[in-house]
Amino acid sequence: MKRVKMSASGLLHSIGLGLLAAAMLGVPGPQLLPAAFGPAAARAQPKAIDDLKSIFVPALPADAREVTAAVSAAKAGEAVTLRGYITADGLAADTATVTLAEAGKPAAGAPTVTVKFVDAKGTPIVGSLAGKHGLKPGAEVFITGKVDAADGKTTLTVTATSAHVPRASLPEGFFAAKPADDAKDVSETRKKGGLKAGDTVVLKGRVGGAKDPFVAGRAVFTLMGRGLNSCAENPGDSCKTPWDYCCETKADIAANSVVVQFVDDKGQVLRTDFKGRRGIKELTELVVTGKVSVADGKTVVVNVTSMAVVQ
C-alpha cells in the first residue's frame, strides 16, 4: 500500500521577518490531525466522558468574548463564543461541568460561566474532566456553545458544542483595557535607530508584512509601521492579501517592522495563537509594550509583556 507523505512546508509563509521567526523558534512542520478533529467529529455526539475528545478542537476560535462581557450581553438560546480561566473549584467532581471566570481566582461576586458538556439527549455527562484535555484550575479555555440561562449580571450557563484549550495560557491581564498613550509608531522608532537589546518600548503598528504574518501555534507575529502603505491603501490595487505589502521590497518591509513574541519564564515562545484573540487578525492595529530581545540593525524582536487593540 503506497504511503502518502504530507509536506512540512507551509507552516510559515516566509517573507522577510517570517523566516527569522521560523529560524528562532525552530517551528516544526504541521502534523496530521487525528480523525477526532475532522469534520465528522464536529457531528459526533458524546455519550461518555471519554467521548468528549470530539468536542475539543485544535483551532482557537475568533472573537471570543471575555466572561464579564458574555455574562452581561448573552441571552438564552443564543450561540456564544467566550474565553475564561477555570476557577479554583471549577471542575465538578461527578459531571463534565466547568466553571470559568476572567481570572483563575475571581473576586467575590465576580461574573462566572458554567459550561456543561452533554450527550445527545441533553443529559450532563457523568465523570469529572479534571486532568483531561489540559483542563485544570487556572487553565485558559475557549468555549463555543448555546446559552441555556442568563441573568445578565453574574451568571451564565452554556452547553458546549466545541472547546479549545491552548497548550499554554497567556497570563491574566495580558490584554490592556486601552492602548498606552505614549506609543510610538514602529516605522518612526525604526527610522530613528539606536534600539538595543534590553530597551523597553511601547510600539504601535498593524499586523502584516507577509502573506501569513502569524506563526501558527506560537505567540508570534509581525507588526508593521505606518511608514509603508498596505496594498489596500494603494489606489487601484486589488490585492487579495493586502497585509502582505507585496508592492514593497523585502528590505523596506524589514526596515518598517518588528517581530512581536510572548515568551515564558524560561524564555521559550508560548505555544498558543495570537490570531483570533480579541478579534486580532491581519491589519489589526495594536499597541504593544515589551523589551527588545534582538536588535541587529536589520531586525528587531520584542518580547511583549502587554498588548491592547486600537479601536
C-alpha atoms as a PDB file:
ATOM      1  CA  MET A   1       0.000   0.000   0.000  1.00  0.00           C
ATOM      2  CA  LYS A   2       1.525   3.268  -1.086  1.00  0.00           C
ATOM      3  CA  ARG A   3       2.021   5.783   1.702  1.00  0.00           C
ATOM      4  CA  VAL A   4       1.255   9.427   1.119  1.00  0.00           C
ATOM      5  CA  LYS A   5       3.549  11.983   2.663  1.00  0.00           C
ATOM      6  CA  MET A   6       2.393  15.409   3.790  1.00  0.00           C
ATOM      7  CA  SER A   7       4.831  18.239   3.198  1.00  0.00           C
ATOM      8  CA  ALA A   8       6.034  20.085   6.313  1.00  0.00           C
ATOM      9  CA  SER A   9       6.472  23.254   4.288  1.00  0.00           C
ATOM     10  CA  GLY A  10       3.888  25.976   4.534  1.00  0.00           C
ATOM     11  CA  LEU A  11       3.874  26.410   8.323  1.00  0.00           C
ATOM     12  CA  LEU A  12       5.388  29.836   7.745  1.00  0.00           C
ATOM     13  CA  HIS A  13       4.704  31.729   4.533  1.00  0.00           C
ATOM     14  CA  SER A  14       8.181  33.153   4.587  1.00  0.00           C
ATOM     15  CA  ILE A  15       8.777  36.694   3.596  1.00  0.00           C
ATOM     16  CA  GLY A  16      11.266  38.957   5.295  1.00  0.00           C
ATOM     17  CA  LEU A  17      10.891  38.504   9.024  1.00  0.00           C
ATOM     18  CA  GLY A  18       8.783  35.374   8.705  1.00  0.00           C
ATOM     19  CA  LEU A  19      11.997  33.470   8.000  1.00  0.00           C
ATOM     20  CA  LEU A  20      13.582  34.960  11.099  1.00  0.00           C
ATOM     21  CA  ALA A  21      10.701  33.859  13.294  1.00  0.00           C
ATOM     22  CA  ALA A  22      10.902  30.302  11.987  1.00  0.00           C
ATOM     23  CA  ALA A  23      14.661  30.130  12.480  1.00  0.00           C
ATOM     24  CA  MET A  24      14.493  31.488  16.011  1.00  0.00           C
ATOM     25  CA  LEU A  25      11.677  29.239  17.088  1.00  0.00           C
ATOM     26  CA  GLY A  26      12.547  26.026  15.293  1.00  0.00           C
ATOM     27  CA  VAL A  27       8.863  25.689  14.417  1.00  0.00           C
ATOM     28  CA  PRO A  28       8.059  22.121  13.335  1.00  0.00           C
ATOM     29  CA  GLY A  29       6.010  21.309  10.286  1.00  0.00           C
ATOM     30  CA  PRO A  30       2.299  20.671  10.621  1.00  0.00           C
ATOM     31  CA  GLN A  31       1.220  17.317  11.985  1.00  0.00           C
ATOM     32  CA  LEU A  32      -1.524  15.164  10.599  1.00  0.00           C
ATOM     33  CA  LEU A  33      -4.562  15.729  12.786  1.00  0.00           C
ATOM     34  CA  PRO A  34      -6.277  12.691  14.274  1.00  0.00           C
ATOM     35  CA  ALA A  35      -9.675  11.801  12.916  1.00  0.00           C
ATOM     36  CA  ALA A  36     -11.254  13.156  16.106  1.00  0.00           C
ATOM     37  CA  PHE A  37     -10.624  16.681  14.835  1.00  0.00           C
ATOM     38  CA  GLY A  38     -12.099  16.180  11.352  1.00  0.00           C
ATOM     39  CA  PRO A  39     -15.483  17.289  10.020  1.00  0.00           C
ATOM     40  CA  ALA A  40     -17.091  14.043  11.147  1.00  0.00           C
ATOM     41  CA  ALA A  41     -16.026  14.754  14.712  1.00  0.00           C
ATOM     42  CA  ALA A  42     -17.970  18.013  14.714  1.00  0.00           C
ATOM     43  CA  ARG A  43     -21.119  15.970  14.186  1.00  0.00           C
ATOM     44  CA  ALA A  44     -20.221  13.285  16.741  1.00  0.00           C
ATOM     45  CA  GLN A  45     -22.439  13.067  19.816  1.00  0.00           C
ATOM     46  CA  PRO A  46     -20.507  12.327  23.012  1.00  0.00           C
ATOM     47  CA  LYS A  47     -22.003   9.608  25.181  1.00  0.00           C
ATOM     48  CA  ALA A  48     -19.422   9.375  27.947  1.00  0.00           C
ATOM     49  CA  ILE A  49     -16.533  11.329  29.411  1.00  0.00           C
ATOM     50  CA  ASP A  50     -14.056   9.580  27.103  1.00  0.00           C
ATOM     51  CA  ASP A  51     -16.066  10.548  24.008  1.00  0.00           C
ATOM     52  CA  LEU A  52     -15.563  14.264  24.619  1.00  0.00           C
ATOM     53  CA  LYS A  53     -12.331  14.339  22.632  1.00  0.00           C
ATOM     54  CA  SER A  54     -14.511  15.110  19.599  1.00  0.00           C
ATOM     55  CA  ILE A  55     -15.584  18.363  21.257  1.00  0.00           C
ATOM     56  CA  PHE A  56     -12.036  19.653  21.870  1.00  0.00           C
ATOM     57  CA  VAL A  57     -10.734  21.281  18.694  1.00  0.00           C
ATOM     58  CA  PRO A  58      -7.188  22.427  17.791  1.00  0.00           C
ATOM     59  CA  ALA A  59      -8.148  25.809  16.316  1.00  0.00           C
ATOM     60  CA  LEU A  60      -8.560  28.876  18.513  1.00  0.00           C
ATOM     61  CA  PRO A  61     -11.967  30.465  17.755  1.00  0.00           C
ATOM     62  CA  ALA A  62     -12.003  34.104  16.710  1.00  0.00           C
ATOM     63  CA  ASP A  63     -13.740  36.969  18.514  1.00  0.00           C
ATOM     64  CA  ALA A  64     -14.331  35.210  21.823  1.00  0.00           C
ATOM     65  CA  ARG A  65     -15.986  37.409  24.452  1.00  0.00           C
ATOM     66  CA  GLU A  66     -14.463  37.805  27.872  1.00  0.00           C
ATOM     67  CA  VAL A  67     -16.542  36.305  30.680  1.00  0.00           C
ATOM     68  CA  THR A  68     -17.896  39.611  32.001  1.00  0.00           C
ATOM     69  CA  ALA A  69     -18.908  40.765  28.517  1.00  0.00           C
ATOM     70  CA  ALA A  70     -20.533  37.405  27.765  1.00  0.00           C
ATOM     71  CA  VAL A  71     -22.495  37.354  31.033  1.00  0.00           C
ATOM     72  CA  SER A  72     -23.816  40.881  30.560  1.00  0.00           C
ATOM     73  CA  ALA A  73     -24.838  40.507  26.902  1.00  0.00           C
ATOM     74  CA  ALA A  74     -25.754  36.878  26.174  1.00  0.00           C
ATOM     75  CA  LYS A  75     -29.367  35.787  26.048  1.00  0.00           C
ATOM     76  CA  ALA A  76     -30.928  32.337  26.441  1.00  0.00           C
ATOM     77  CA  GLY A  77     -30.994  30.404  23.174  1.00  0.00           C
ATOM     78  CA  GLU A  78     -28.166  32.375  21.573  1.00  0.00           C
ATOM     79  CA  ALA A  79     -24.906  30.934  20.287  1.00  0.00           C
ATOM     80  CA  VAL A  80     -21.867  32.365  22.063  1.00  0.00           C
ATOM     81  CA  THR A  81     -18.081  32.074  21.965  1.00  0.00           C
ATOM     82  CA  LEU A  82     -16.249  33.061  25.128  1.00  0.00           C
ATOM     83  CA  ARG A  83     -12.897  32.876  26.860  1.00  0.00           C
ATOM     84  CA  GLY A  84     -12.092  32.434  30.537  1.00  0.00           C
ATOM     85  CA  TYR A  85      -9.966  30.724  33.146  1.00  0.00           C
ATOM     86  CA  ILE A  86     -11.070  27.702  35.185  1.00  0.00           C
ATOM     87  CA  THR A  87     -11.730  28.734  38.768  1.00  0.00           C
ATOM     88  CA  ALA A  88     -10.054  27.019  41.732  1.00  0.00           C
ATOM     89  CA  ASP A  89     -13.079  24.764  42.272  1.00  0.00           C
ATOM     90  CA  GLY A  90     -14.298  24.959  38.689  1.00  0.00           C
ATOM     91  CA  LEU A  91     -14.112  21.279  37.749  1.00  0.00           C
ATOM     92  CA  ALA A  92     -17.110  19.310  39.009  1.00  0.00           C
ATOM     93  CA  ALA A  93     -16.300  16.005  40.677  1.00  0.00           C
ATOM     94  CA  ASP A  94     -19.138  13.955  39.205  1.00  0.00           C
ATOM     95  CA  THR A  95     -20.195  15.602  35.909  1.00  0.00           C
ATOM     96  CA  ALA A  96     -18.491  17.115  32.876  1.00  0.00           C
ATOM     97  CA  THR A  97     -19.097  20.664  34.061  1.00  0.00           C
ATOM     98  CA  VAL A  98     -16.588  23.527  34.146  1.00  0.00           C
ATOM     99  CA  THR A  99     -16.787  26.990  35.750  1.00  0.00           C
ATOM    100  CA  LEU A 100     -14.954  29.893  34.108  1.00  0.00           C
ATOM    101  CA  ALA A 101     -14.165  33.429  35.243  1.00  0.00           C
ATOM    102  CA  GLU A 102     -11.947  36.205  33.885  1.00  0.00           C
ATOM    103  CA  ALA A 103      -9.299  35.224  36.417  1.00  0.00           C
ATOM    104  CA  GLY A 104      -8.418  31.877  37.928  1.00  0.00           C
ATOM    105  CA  LYS A 105      -9.069  33.397  41.356  1.00  0.00           C
ATOM    106  CA  PRO A 106     -12.035  35.717  40.798  1.00  0.00           C
ATOM    107  CA  ALA A 107     -13.110  38.282  43.354  1.00  0.00           C
ATOM    108  CA  ALA A 108     -16.205  37.519  45.383  1.00  0.00           C
ATOM    109  CA  GLY A 109     -19.311  38.140  43.312  1.00  0.00           C
ATOM    110  CA  ALA A 110     -17.394  38.298  40.002  1.00  0.00           C
ATOM    111  CA  PRO A 111     -19.292  37.003  36.940  1.00  0.00           C
ATOM    112  CA  THR A 112     -18.848  33.322  36.132  1.00  0.00           C
ATOM    113  CA  VAL A 113     -19.885  30.991  33.345  1.00  0.00           C
ATOM    114  CA  THR A 114     -20.952  27.402  33.948  1.00  0.00           C
ATOM    115  CA  VAL A 115     -20.156  25.198  30.954  1.00  0.00           C
ATOM    116  CA  LYS A 116     -21.925  21.859  30.570  1.00  0.00           C
ATOM    117  CA  PHE A 117     -20.912  19.006  28.296  1.00  0.00           C
ATOM    118  CA  VAL A 118     -23.946  16.880  27.486  1.00  0.00           C
ATOM    119  CA  ASP A 119     -24.929  13.833  25.470  1.00  0.00           C
ATOM    120  CA  ALA A 120     -27.338  13.711  22.515  1.00  0.00           C
ATOM    121  CA  LYS A 121     -30.315  13.816  24.890  1.00  0.00           C
ATOM    122  CA  GLY A 122     -29.019  16.904  26.680  1.00  0.00           C
ATOM    123  CA  THR A 123     -28.094  14.963  29.815  1.00  0.00           C
ATOM    124  CA  PRO A 124     -24.887  16.089  31.561  1.00  0.00           C
ATOM    125  CA  ILE A 125     -22.159  13.511  31.011  1.00  0.00           C
ATOM    126  CA  VAL A 126     -21.112  11.651  34.146  1.00  0.00           C
ATOM    127  CA  GLY A 127     -17.484  11.890  35.272  1.00  0.00           C
ATOM    128  CA  SER A 128     -15.034  14.677  36.032  1.00  0.00           C
ATOM    129  CA  LEU A 129     -12.958  16.454  33.372  1.00  0.00           C
ATOM    130  CA  ALA A 130     -10.179  17.253  35.845  1.00  0.00           C
ATOM    131  CA  GLY A 131      -6.828  16.469  34.242  1.00  0.00           C
ATOM    132  CA  LYS A 132      -8.336  15.699  30.847  1.00  0.00           C
ATOM    133  CA  HIS A 133      -7.665  17.689  27.662  1.00  0.00           C
ATOM    134  CA  GLY A 134      -5.442  20.109  29.594  1.00  0.00           C
ATOM    135  CA  LEU A 135      -8.247  21.123  31.956  1.00  0.00           C
ATOM    136  CA  LYS A 136      -7.106  22.172  35.419  1.00  0.00           C
ATOM    137  CA  PRO A 137      -7.683  25.132  37.751  1.00  0.00           C
ATOM    138  CA  GLY A 138      -6.274  28.284  36.174  1.00  0.00           C
ATOM    139  CA  ALA A 139      -6.246  26.884  32.625  1.00  0.00           C
ATOM    140  CA  GLU A 140      -7.334  29.193  29.820  1.00  0.00           C
ATOM    141  CA  VAL A 141     -10.323  27.835  27.886  1.00  0.00           C
ATOM    142  CA  PHE A 142     -12.277  28.945  24.805  1.00  0.00           C
ATOM    143  CA  ILE A 143     -15.867  27.702  24.601  1.00  0.00           C
ATOM    144  CA  THR A 144     -18.429  27.838  21.804  1.00  0.00           C
ATOM    145  CA  GLY A 145     -21.956  26.777  22.664  1.00  0.00           C
ATOM    146  CA  LYS A 146     -25.586  27.599  23.250  1.00  0.00           C
ATOM    147  CA  VAL A 147     -26.773  29.756  26.150  1.00  0.00           C
ATOM    148  CA  ASP A 148     -29.116  27.826  28.432  1.00  0.00           C
ATOM    149  CA  ALA A 149     -29.696  30.512  31.042  1.00  0.00           C
ATOM    150  CA  ALA A 150     -28.508  34.073  31.669  1.00  0.00           C
ATOM    151  CA  ASP A 151     -29.275  36.663  34.316  1.00  0.00           C
ATOM    152  CA  GLY A 152     -27.328  39.491  32.642  1.00  0.00           C
ATOM    153  CA  LYS A 153     -25.394  40.181  35.824  1.00  0.00           C
ATOM    154  CA  THR A 154     -23.278  37.457  37.394  1.00  0.00           C
ATOM    155  CA  THR A 155     -24.103  34.054  35.932  1.00  0.00           C
ATOM    156  CA  LEU A 156     -24.399  32.353  32.575  1.00  0.00           C
ATOM    157  CA  THR A 157     -24.945  28.686  31.745  1.00  0.00           C
ATOM    158  CA  VAL A 158     -23.760  27.353  28.392  1.00  0.00           C
ATOM    159  CA  THR A 159     -23.934  23.932  26.751  1.00  0.00           C
ATOM    160  CA  ALA A 160     -20.663  23.459  24.863  1.00  0.00           C
ATOM    161  CA  THR A 161     -20.553  22.456  21.228  1.00  0.00           C
ATOM    162  CA  SER A 162     -16.782  22.892  20.948  1.00  0.00           C
ATOM    163  CA  ALA A 163     -13.872  23.802  23.202  1.00  0.00           C
ATOM    164  CA  HIS A 164     -10.273  24.865  22.713  1.00  0.00           C
ATOM    165  CA  VAL A 165      -7.582  24.674  25.393  1.00  0.00           C
ATOM    166  CA  PRO A 166      -4.302  26.378  24.375  1.00  0.00           C
ATOM    167  CA  ARG A 167      -1.197  24.323  25.046  1.00  0.00           C
ATOM    168  CA  ALA A 168      -0.038  27.289  27.120  1.00  0.00           C
ATOM    169  CA  SER A 169      -2.069  30.173  28.521  1.00  0.00           C
ATOM    170  CA  LEU A 170      -1.485  33.880  28.160  1.00  0.00           C
ATOM    171  CA  PRO A 171      -1.316  35.401  31.649  1.00  0.00           C
ATOM    172  CA  GLU A 172      -4.341  37.027  33.209  1.00  0.00           C
ATOM    173  CA  GLY A 173      -4.415  40.743  32.486  1.00  0.00           C
ATOM    174  CA  PHE A 174      -2.156  40.466  29.421  1.00  0.00           C
ATOM    175  CA  PHE A 175      -4.582  42.499  27.303  1.00  0.00           C
ATOM    176  CA  ALA A 176      -4.818  46.094  28.495  1.00  0.00           C
ATOM    177  CA  ALA A 177      -8.217  47.800  28.588  1.00  0.00           C
ATOM    178  CA  LYS A 178      -6.919  50.663  26.453  1.00  0.00           C
ATOM    179  CA  PRO A 179      -3.746  51.438  24.486  1.00  0.00           C
ATOM    180  CA  ALA A 180      -0.874  53.236  26.211  1.00  0.00           C
ATOM    181  CA  ASP A 181      -0.771  56.968  25.466  1.00  0.00           C
ATOM    182  CA  ASP A 182       2.981  57.092  24.830  1.00  0.00           C
ATOM    183  CA  ALA A 183       3.101  54.566  21.983  1.00  0.00           C
ATOM    184  CA  LYS A 184       5.435  55.330  19.070  1.00  0.00           C
ATOM    185  CA  ASP A 185       4.882  54.139  15.516  1.00  0.00           C
ATOM    186  CA  VAL A 186       7.047  51.174  14.542  1.00  0.00           C
ATOM    187  CA  SER A 187       8.386  52.895  11.412  1.00  0.00           C
ATOM    188  CA  GLU A 188       9.213  56.067  13.328  1.00  0.00           C
ATOM    189  CA  THR A 189      11.069  54.133  16.007  1.00  0.00           C
ATOM    190  CA  ARG A 190      12.974  52.012  13.494  1.00  0.00           C
ATOM    191  CA  LYS A 191      13.941  55.078  11.449  1.00  0.00           C
ATOM    192  CA  LYS A 192      15.462  56.796  14.484  1.00  0.00           C
ATOM    193  CA  GLY A 193      17.584  53.714  15.179  1.00  0.00           C
ATOM    194  CA  GLY A 194      19.534  53.200  18.373  1.00  0.00           C
ATOM    195  CA  LEU A 195      17.399  50.318  19.660  1.00  0.00           C
ATOM    196  CA  LYS A 196      19.349  47.729  21.601  1.00  0.00           C
ATOM    197  CA  ALA A 197      18.563  44.517  23.473  1.00  0.00           C
ATOM    198  CA  GLY A 198      17.016  45.263  26.856  1.00  0.00           C
ATOM    199  CA  ASP A 199      15.326  48.517  25.824  1.00  0.00           C
ATOM    200  CA  THR A 200      11.716  48.925  26.966  1.00  0.00           C
ATOM    201  CA  VAL A 201       9.467  50.015  24.101  1.00  0.00           C
ATOM    202  CA  VAL A 202       5.813  50.936  23.546  1.00  0.00           C
ATOM    203  CA  LEU A 203       5.049  50.483  19.856  1.00  0.00           C
ATOM    204  CA  LYS A 204       2.050  50.991  17.615  1.00  0.00           C
ATOM    205  CA  GLY A 205       1.534  49.202  14.319  1.00  0.00           C
ATOM    206  CA  ARG A 206      -0.551  46.827  12.217  1.00  0.00           C
ATOM    207  CA  VAL A 207      -0.282  43.076  11.858  1.00  0.00           C
ATOM    208  CA  GLY A 208       1.226  42.372   8.452  1.00  0.00           C
ATOM    209  CA  GLY A 209       4.372  42.092   6.386  1.00  0.00           C
ATOM    210  CA  ALA A 210       3.760  38.606   4.989  1.00  0.00           C
ATOM    211  CA  LYS A 211       1.006  36.543   3.441  1.00  0.00           C
ATOM    212  CA  ASP A 212       0.729  34.890   6.852  1.00  0.00           C
ATOM    213  CA  PRO A 213       2.211  37.278   9.455  1.00  0.00           C
ATOM    214  CA  PHE A 214       1.252  34.947  12.325  1.00  0.00           C
ATOM    215  CA  VAL A 215       3.216  31.856  13.325  1.00  0.00           C
ATOM    216  CA  ALA A 216       0.696  29.039  13.674  1.00  0.00           C
ATOM    217  CA  GLY A 217       0.610  27.559  17.165  1.00  0.00           C
ATOM    218  CA  ARG A 218       3.048  30.108  18.568  1.00  0.00           C
ATOM    219  CA  ALA A 219       2.591  33.535  20.154  1.00  0.00           C
ATOM    220  CA  VAL A 220       4.475  35.341  17.371  1.00  0.00           C
ATOM    221  CA  PHE A 221       3.539  37.792  14.639  1.00  0.00           C
ATOM    222  CA  THR A 222       4.980  40.681  12.617  1.00  0.00           C
ATOM    223  CA  LEU A 223       3.942  44.276  13.348  1.00  0.00           C
ATOM    224  CA  MET A 224       4.205  46.875  10.557  1.00  0.00           C
ATOM    225  CA  GLY A 225       4.626  50.623  10.956  1.00  0.00           C
ATOM    226  CA  ARG A 226       2.854  53.391   9.051  1.00  0.00           C
ATOM    227  CA  GLY A 227       5.981  54.146   7.052  1.00  0.00           C
ATOM    228  CA  LEU A 228       4.653  51.791   4.375  1.00  0.00           C
ATOM    229  CA  ASN A 229       1.184  51.521   2.909  1.00  0.00           C
ATOM    230  CA  SER A 230      -0.566  48.197   2.810  1.00  0.00           C
ATOM    231  CA  CYS A 231      -1.753  47.125  -0.636  1.00  0.00           C
ATOM    232  CA  ALA A 232      -5.294  48.133   0.395  1.00  0.00           C
ATOM    233  CA  GLU A 233      -4.139  51.752   0.653  1.00  0.00           C
ATOM    234  CA  ASN A 234      -2.725  51.872  -2.870  1.00  0.00           C
ATOM    235  CA  PRO A 235      -5.283  53.286  -5.356  1.00  0.00           C
ATOM    236  CA  GLY A 236      -6.468  50.686  -7.844  1.00  0.00           C
ATOM    237  CA  ASP A 237      -4.765  47.803  -6.038  1.00  0.00           C
ATOM    238  CA  SER A 238      -6.996  44.719  -5.918  1.00  0.00           C
ATOM    239  CA  CYS A 239      -4.615  42.501  -3.965  1.00  0.00           C
ATOM    240  CA  LYS A 240      -6.488  39.713  -2.161  1.00  0.00           C
ATOM    241  CA  THR A 241      -3.951  39.718   0.681  1.00  0.00           C
ATOM    242  CA  PRO A 242      -3.218  43.433   1.197  1.00  0.00           C
ATOM    243  CA  TRP A 243      -1.489  42.784   4.526  1.00  0.00           C
ATOM    244  CA  ASP A 244       1.477  41.144   2.769  1.00  0.00           C
ATOM    245  CA  TYR A 245       2.777  44.515   1.475  1.00  0.00           C
ATOM    246  CA  CYS A 246       3.724  42.738  -1.746  1.00  0.00           C
ATOM    247  CA  CYS A 247       4.187  46.074  -3.549  1.00  0.00           C
ATOM    248  CA  GLU A 248       7.148  46.822  -1.263  1.00  0.00           C
ATOM    249  CA  THR A 249      10.660  45.373  -1.210  1.00  0.00           C
ATOM    250  CA  LYS A 250      11.713  42.875   1.420  1.00  0.00           C
ATOM    251  CA  ALA A 251      14.296  45.350   2.663  1.00  0.00           C
ATOM    252  CA  ASP A 252      11.676  48.071   3.176  1.00  0.00           C
ATOM    253  CA  ILE A 253       9.330  45.633   4.916  1.00  0.00           C
ATOM    254  CA  ALA A 254      12.114  44.616   7.299  1.00  0.00           C
ATOM    255  CA  ALA A 255      13.036  48.261   7.998  1.00  0.00           C
ATOM    256  CA  ASN A 256       9.431  49.152   8.918  1.00  0.00           C
ATOM    257  CA  SER A 257       8.537  46.166  11.080  1.00  0.00           C
ATOM    258  CA  VAL A 258       9.273  44.327  14.295  1.00  0.00           C
ATOM    259  CA  VAL A 259       8.721  40.717  15.312  1.00  0.00           C
ATOM    260  CA  VAL A 260       6.472  40.520  18.378  1.00  0.00           C
ATOM    261  CA  GLN A 261       6.530  37.427  20.574  1.00  0.00           C
ATOM    262  CA  PHE A 262       5.451  36.347  24.043  1.00  0.00           C
ATOM    263  CA  VAL A 263       7.867  34.150  25.994  1.00  0.00           C
ATOM    264  CA  ASP A 264       7.518  32.234  29.248  1.00  0.00           C
ATOM    265  CA  ASP A 265       9.755  32.401  32.321  1.00  0.00           C
ATOM    266  CA  LYS A 266      12.281  30.144  30.582  1.00  0.00           C
ATOM    267  CA  GLY A 267      12.471  32.356  27.520  1.00  0.00           C
ATOM    268  CA  GLN A 268      10.529  29.927  25.354  1.00  0.00           C
ATOM    269  CA  VAL A 269       7.913  31.265  22.959  1.00  0.00           C
ATOM    270  CA  LEU A 270       4.444  30.409  24.248  1.00  0.00           C
ATOM    271  CA  ARG A 271       2.674  27.578  22.417  1.00  0.00           C
ATOM    272  CA  THR A 272      -0.554  29.368  21.614  1.00  0.00           C
ATOM    273  CA  ASP A 273      -2.004  31.623  18.917  1.00  0.00           C
ATOM    274  CA  PHE A 274      -2.483  35.379  18.867  1.00  0.00           C
ATOM    275  CA  LYS A 275      -4.723  35.329  15.810  1.00  0.00           C
ATOM    276  CA  GLY A 276      -8.386  35.361  16.838  1.00  0.00           C
ATOM    277  CA  ARG A 277      -7.850  36.716  20.342  1.00  0.00           C
ATOM    278  CA  ARG A 278      -9.760  39.971  20.866  1.00  0.00           C
ATOM    279  CA  GLY A 279     -10.568  39.830  17.153  1.00  0.00           C
ATOM    280  CA  ILE A 280      -6.886  40.148  16.190  1.00  0.00           C
ATOM    281  CA  LYS A 281      -6.244  39.369  12.529  1.00  0.00           C
ATOM    282  CA  GLU A 282      -4.281  40.703   9.569  1.00  0.00           C
ATOM    283  CA  LEU A 283      -4.085  44.548   9.570  1.00  0.00           C
ATOM    284  CA  THR A 284      -5.453  44.840  13.132  1.00  0.00           C
ATOM    285  CA  GLU A 285      -3.893  47.891  14.761  1.00  0.00           C
ATOM    286  CA  LEU A 286      -2.207  47.190  18.086  1.00  0.00           C
ATOM    287  CA  VAL A 287      -0.153  48.841  20.795  1.00  0.00           C
ATOM    288  CA  VAL A 288       2.414  46.522  22.368  1.00  0.00           C
ATOM    289  CA  THR A 289       4.648  47.034  25.395  1.00  0.00           C
ATOM    290  CA  GLY A 290       7.739  44.961  25.948  1.00  0.00           C
ATOM    291  CA  LYS A 291      11.521  44.621  25.867  1.00  0.00           C
ATOM    292  CA  VAL A 292      13.754  44.349  22.838  1.00  0.00           C
ATOM    293  CA  SER A 293      15.432  40.938  22.734  1.00  0.00           C
ATOM    294  CA  VAL A 294      17.119  41.257  19.329  1.00  0.00           C
ATOM    295  CA  ALA A 295      18.274  44.419  17.541  1.00  0.00           C
ATOM    296  CA  ASP A 296      20.957  43.716  14.947  1.00  0.00           C
ATOM    297  CA  GLY A 297      20.470  46.715  12.690  1.00  0.00           C
ATOM    298  CA  LYS A 298      18.177  44.845  10.312  1.00  0.00           C
ATOM    299  CA  THR A 299      15.770  43.020  12.577  1.00  0.00           C
ATOM    300  CA  VAL A 300      14.089  43.938  15.861  1.00  0.00           C
ATOM    301  CA  VAL A 301      12.391  41.335  18.043  1.00  0.00           C
ATOM    302  CA  VAL A 302      10.270  42.443  21.012  1.00  0.00           C
ATOM    303  CA  ASN A 303       9.309  40.209  23.925  1.00  0.00           C
ATOM    304  CA  VAL A 304       5.883  41.667  24.626  1.00  0.00           C
ATOM    305  CA  THR A 305       4.507  41.963  28.164  1.00  0.00           C
ATOM    306  CA  SER A 306       1.144  43.558  27.398  1.00  0.00           C
ATOM    307  CA  MET A 307      -0.996  44.452  24.402  1.00  0.00           C
ATOM    308  CA  ALA A 308      -4.061  46.480  23.504  1.00  0.00           C
ATOM    309  CA  VAL A 309      -6.233  46.526  20.396  1.00  0.00           C
ATOM    310  CA  VAL A 310      -6.718  50.005  18.931  1.00  0.00           C
ATOM    311  CA  GLN A 311     -10.433  50.530  18.336  1.00  0.00           C
END
